Amino acid sequence: ERGSRTGSNKVAFVILVVLFAGISLLLYEGFQKDVMRVSAELVQVSGLYGEKMHLETLKSVRVTAELPEITYRKNGIAAGSIKKGTFKTGDGSLVKLVVDTDVDSFLEIIRNGDAVPFYFSSPVQNNLELLEAIRRYRPEIVMD
């Protein structure tokens, strides 16, 4: 009986270590500074909650000083100034955020046929420069 209890304890310990390592890795990845890359075909946001968006699917892009009112996090990470994942707004709609709220502006991307706006900001990139990069390829969707 004692040997089976020791074996169960070892299995439980291994499970806890693997679980802790997985959670630590997710938190580490979630707090990394995300980067947006713009090419002739894609807007690509790096990171765990990043996305690839084809330029032809974008309806509008603009820089805004404010995020919508967020009421709760549906999934993702929200700690300090970092907000990444899907969030519910005050009017009940959903938005996807990959933002650092310490940055003074946000890039808002609306996609064709998509009810979920995408907001991006990073302390390592300038949103006006990103807007200009998108304007080079799709000037008709950029809103000033």
C-alpha atoms as a PDB file:
ATOM      1  CA  GLU A   1       0.000   0.000   0.000  1.00  0.00           C
ATOM      2  CA  ARG A   2       2.827   2.387   0.858  1.00  0.00           C
ATOM      3  CA  GLY A   3       4.534   1.840  -2.503  1.00  0.00           C
ATOM      4  CA  SER A   4       1.393   2.737  -4.476  1.00  0.00           C
ATOM      5  CA  ARG A   5       0.978   5.959  -2.469  1.00  0.00           C
ATOM      6  CA  THR A   6       4.585   6.941  -3.219  1.00  0.00           C
ATOM      7  CA  GLY A   7       4.005   6.263  -6.920  1.00  0.00           C
ATOM      8  CA  SER A   8       0.842   8.384  -6.869  1.00  0.00           C
ATOM      9  CA  ASN A   9       2.736  11.195  -5.162  1.00  0.00           C
ATOM     10  CA  LYS A  10       5.431  11.110  -7.852  1.00  0.00           C
ATOM     11  CA  VAL A  11       2.828  11.251 -10.624  1.00  0.00           C
ATOM     12  CA  ALA A  12       1.056  14.171  -8.918  1.00  0.00           C
ATOM     13  CA  PHE A  13       4.373  15.986  -8.508  1.00  0.00           C
ATOM     14  CA  VAL A  14       5.274  15.515 -12.177  1.00  0.00           C
ATOM     15  CA  ILE A  15       1.833  16.778 -13.220  1.00  0.00           C
ATOM     16  CA  LEU A  16       2.237  19.873 -11.020  1.00  0.00           C
ATOM     17  CA  VAL A  17       5.699  20.609 -12.429  1.00  0.00           C
ATOM     18  CA  VAL A  18       4.477  20.282 -16.024  1.00  0.00           C
ATOM     19  CA  LEU A  19       1.428  22.430 -15.263  1.00  0.00           C
ATOM     20  CA  PHE A  20       3.559  25.115 -13.591  1.00  0.00           C
ATOM     21  CA  ALA A  21       6.026  25.103 -16.506  1.00  0.00           C
ATOM     22  CA  GLY A  22       3.174  25.442 -19.019  1.00  0.00           C
ATOM     23  CA  ILE A  23       1.564  28.338 -17.167  1.00  0.00           C
ATOM     24  CA  SER A  24       4.949  30.045 -16.775  1.00  0.00           C
ATOM     25  CA  LEU A  25       5.622  29.705 -20.508  1.00  0.00           C
ATOM     26  CA  LEU A  26       2.201  31.148 -21.383  1.00  0.00           C
ATOM     27  CA  LEU A  27       2.744  34.119 -19.069  1.00  0.00           C
ATOM     28  CA  TYR A  28       6.238  34.698 -20.455  1.00  0.00           C
ATOM     29  CA  GLU A  29       4.952  34.623 -24.043  1.00  0.00           C
ATOM     30  CA  GLY A  30       1.990  36.825 -23.149  1.00  0.00           C
ATOM     31  CA  PHE A  31       4.185  39.575 -21.731  1.00  0.00           C
ATOM     32  CA  GLN A  32       6.540  39.738 -24.717  1.00  0.00           C
ATOM     33  CA  LYS A  33       6.425  42.951 -26.763  1.00  0.00           C
ATOM     34  CA  ASP A  34       4.458  42.285 -29.935  1.00  0.00           C
ATOM     35  CA  VAL A  35       5.479  43.563 -33.347  1.00  0.00           C
ATOM     36  CA  MET A  36       3.358  44.360 -36.404  1.00  0.00           C
ATOM     37  CA  ARG A  37       4.769  43.767 -39.876  1.00  0.00           C
ATOM     38  CA  VAL A  38       3.145  45.176 -43.004  1.00  0.00           C
ATOM     39  CA  SER A  39       3.738  43.796 -46.497  1.00  0.00           C
ATOM     40  CA  ALA A  40       1.960  44.082 -49.836  1.00  0.00           C
ATOM     41  CA  GLU A  41      -0.290  41.143 -48.894  1.00  0.00           C
ATOM     42  CA  LEU A  42      -0.422  40.928 -45.103  1.00  0.00           C
ATOM     43  CA  VAL A  43      -0.594  42.744 -41.829  1.00  0.00           C
ATOM     44  CA  GLN A  44       0.974  40.308 -39.389  1.00  0.00           C
ATOM     45  CA  VAL A  45       1.070  40.708 -35.606  1.00  0.00           C
ATOM     46  CA  SER A  46       3.557  38.516 -33.744  1.00  0.00           C
ATOM     47  CA  GLY A  47       2.989  36.809 -30.440  1.00  0.00           C
ATOM     48  CA  LEU A  48       0.675  34.389 -28.744  1.00  0.00           C
ATOM     49  CA  TYR A  49      -2.451  36.455 -29.545  1.00  0.00           C
ATOM     50  CA  GLY A  50      -1.206  37.860 -32.852  1.00  0.00           C
ATOM     51  CA  GLU A  51      -2.890  37.434 -36.214  1.00  0.00           C
ATOM     52  CA  LYS A  52      -2.276  37.387 -39.940  1.00  0.00           C
ATOM     53  CA  MET A  53      -4.702  39.654 -41.793  1.00  0.00           C
ATOM     54  CA  HIS A  54      -4.742  39.811 -45.580  1.00  0.00           C
ATOM     55  CA  LEU A  55      -4.761  43.440 -46.741  1.00  0.00           C
ATOM     56  CA  GLU A  56      -7.670  42.845 -49.131  1.00  0.00           C
ATOM     57  CA  THR A  57      -9.865  41.807 -46.162  1.00  0.00           C
ATOM     58  CA  LEU A  58      -9.365  45.119 -44.318  1.00  0.00           C
ATOM     59  CA  LYS A  59     -12.231  47.612 -44.386  1.00  0.00           C
ATOM     60  CA  SER A  60     -10.646  50.486 -42.447  1.00  0.00           C
ATOM     61  CA  VAL A  61      -7.582  51.347 -40.405  1.00  0.00           C
ATOM     62  CA  ARG A  62      -7.059  54.349 -38.149  1.00  0.00           C
ATOM     63  CA  VAL A  63      -5.106  55.559 -35.155  1.00  0.00           C
ATOM     64  CA  THR A  64      -7.245  56.276 -32.114  1.00  0.00           C
ATOM     65  CA  ALA A  65      -6.394  57.683 -28.706  1.00  0.00           C
ATOM     66  CA  GLU A  66      -8.851  55.478 -26.824  1.00  0.00           C
ATOM     67  CA  LEU A  67      -9.936  51.880 -26.580  1.00  0.00           C
ATOM     68  CA  PRO A  68     -13.610  50.996 -26.255  1.00  0.00           C
ATOM     69  CA  GLU A  69     -14.824  50.551 -22.674  1.00  0.00           C
ATOM     70  CA  ILE A  70     -13.811  47.023 -21.650  1.00  0.00           C
ATOM     71  CA  THR A  71     -16.117  45.220 -19.221  1.00  0.00           C
ATOM     72  CA  TYR A  72     -14.377  41.844 -19.019  1.00  0.00           C
ATOM     73  CA  ARG A  73     -11.812  39.526 -20.554  1.00  0.00           C
ATOM     74  CA  LYS A  74     -13.308  36.623 -22.487  1.00  0.00           C
ATOM     75  CA  ASN A  75      -9.917  34.965 -23.051  1.00  0.00           C
ATOM     76  CA  GLY A  76      -6.306  36.030 -22.989  1.00  0.00           C
ATOM     77  CA  ILE A  77      -4.194  38.074 -20.604  1.00  0.00           C
ATOM     78  CA  ALA A  78      -5.002  41.303 -18.778  1.00  0.00           C
ATOM     79  CA  ALA A  79      -2.363  42.354 -16.268  1.00  0.00           C
ATOM     80  CA  GLY A  80      -1.126  45.868 -15.656  1.00  0.00           C
ATOM     81  CA  SER A  81      -0.831  47.702 -18.955  1.00  0.00           C
ATOM     82  CA  ILE A  82      -0.871  44.499 -21.050  1.00  0.00           C
ATOM     83  CA  LYS A  83      -4.168  43.394 -22.582  1.00  0.00           C
ATOM     84  CA  LYS A  84      -4.110  40.567 -25.114  1.00  0.00           C
ATOM     85  CA  GLY A  85      -6.980  38.405 -26.264  1.00  0.00           C
ATOM     86  CA  THR A  86     -10.723  38.787 -26.784  1.00  0.00           C
ATOM     87  CA  PHE A  87     -12.590  41.239 -24.562  1.00  0.00           C
ATOM     88  CA  LYS A  88     -16.224  42.263 -24.151  1.00  0.00           C
ATOM     89  CA  THR A  89     -17.073  45.974 -24.375  1.00  0.00           C
ATOM     90  CA  GLY A  90     -19.607  48.108 -22.536  1.00  0.00           C
ATOM     91  CA  ASP A  91     -22.115  47.739 -25.390  1.00  0.00           C
ATOM     92  CA  GLY A  92     -21.787  43.933 -25.348  1.00  0.00           C
ATOM     93  CA  SER A  93     -19.697  43.594 -28.507  1.00  0.00           C
ATOM     94  CA  LEU A  94     -16.351  41.808 -28.726  1.00  0.00           C
ATOM     95  CA  VAL A  95     -12.944  43.258 -29.600  1.00  0.00           C
ATOM     96  CA  LYS A  96      -9.553  41.653 -29.989  1.00  0.00           C
ATOM     97  CA  LEU A  97      -6.753  43.489 -28.221  1.00  0.00           C
ATOM     98  CA  VAL A  98      -2.994  43.156 -28.524  1.00  0.00           C
ATOM     99  CA  VAL A  99      -2.134  46.340 -26.664  1.00  0.00           C
ATOM    100  CA  ASP A 100       0.067  47.971 -24.090  1.00  0.00           C
ATOM    101  CA  THR A 101      -2.063  50.723 -22.564  1.00  0.00           C
ATOM    102  CA  ASP A 102       1.061  52.682 -21.561  1.00  0.00           C
ATOM    103  CA  VAL A 103       1.277  53.638 -25.260  1.00  0.00           C
ATOM    104  CA  ASP A 104      -0.675  56.830 -26.037  1.00  0.00           C
ATOM    105  CA  SER A 105      -2.473  55.600 -29.190  1.00  0.00           C
ATOM    106  CA  PHE A 106      -3.854  52.433 -30.732  1.00  0.00           C
ATOM    107  CA  LEU A 107      -4.187  51.134 -34.265  1.00  0.00           C
ATOM    108  CA  GLU A 108      -7.810  50.105 -34.925  1.00  0.00           C
ATOM    109  CA  ILE A 109      -8.327  47.608 -37.743  1.00  0.00           C
ATOM    110  CA  ILE A 110     -11.822  46.789 -39.013  1.00  0.00           C
ATOM    111  CA  ARG A 111     -12.138  43.825 -41.368  1.00  0.00           C
ATOM    112  CA  ASN A 112     -14.769  43.198 -44.047  1.00  0.00           C
ATOM    113  CA  GLY A 113     -17.568  41.010 -42.750  1.00  0.00           C
ATOM    114  CA  ASP A 114     -15.920  40.767 -39.332  1.00  0.00           C
ATOM    115  CA  ALA A 115     -17.757  42.065 -36.289  1.00  0.00           C
ATOM    116  CA  VAL A 116     -14.626  41.912 -34.100  1.00  0.00           C
ATOM    117  CA  PRO A 117     -12.407  45.024 -34.372  1.00  0.00           C
ATOM    118  CA  PHE A 118      -8.683  44.490 -33.769  1.00  0.00           C
ATOM    119  CA  TYR A 119      -6.649  46.970 -31.688  1.00  0.00           C
ATOM    120  CA  PHE A 120      -2.855  47.027 -31.588  1.00  0.00           C
ATOM    121  CA  SER A 121      -0.199  49.024 -29.770  1.00  0.00           C
ATOM    122  CA  SER A 122       3.365  48.290 -28.795  1.00  0.00           C
ATOM    123  CA  PRO A 123       5.989  50.387 -27.032  1.00  0.00           C
ATOM    124  CA  VAL A 124       8.535  49.316 -29.656  1.00  0.00           C
ATOM    125  CA  GLN A 125       6.588  50.632 -32.690  1.00  0.00           C
ATOM    126  CA  ASN A 126       5.006  53.916 -33.726  1.00  0.00           C
ATOM    127  CA  ASN A 127       1.343  53.600 -34.727  1.00  0.00           C
ATOM    128  CA  LEU A 128       1.530  56.506 -37.200  1.00  0.00           C
ATOM    129  CA  GLU A 129       4.399  54.772 -39.005  1.00  0.00           C
ATOM    130  CA  LEU A 130       2.379  51.549 -39.135  1.00  0.00           C
ATOM    131  CA  LEU A 131      -0.593  53.479 -40.529  1.00  0.00           C
ATOM    132  CA  GLU A 132       1.644  54.962 -43.234  1.00  0.00           C
ATOM    133  CA  ALA A 133       2.989  51.496 -44.087  1.00  0.00           C
ATOM    134  CA  ILE A 134      -0.585  50.266 -44.627  1.00  0.00           C
ATOM    135  CA  ARG A 135      -1.411  53.425 -46.619  1.00  0.00           C
ATOM    136  CA  ARG A 136       1.360  52.551 -49.120  1.00  0.00           C
ATOM    137  CA  TYR A 137      -0.501  49.375 -50.094  1.00  0.00           C
ATOM    138  CA  ARG A 138      -4.177  50.266 -49.407  1.00  0.00           C
ATOM    139  CA  PRO A 139      -4.572  54.069 -49.231  1.00  0.00           C
ATOM    140  CA  GLU A 140      -8.358  53.873 -49.628  1.00  0.00           C
ATOM    141  CA  ILE A 141      -8.873  52.137 -46.253  1.00  0.00           C
ATOM    142  CA  VAL A 142      -6.785  54.510 -44.120  1.00  0.00           C
ATOM    143  CA  MET A 143      -8.874  56.942 -42.104  1.00  0.00           C
ATOM    144  CA  ASP A 144      -7.125  60.064 -40.817  1.00  0.00           C
END
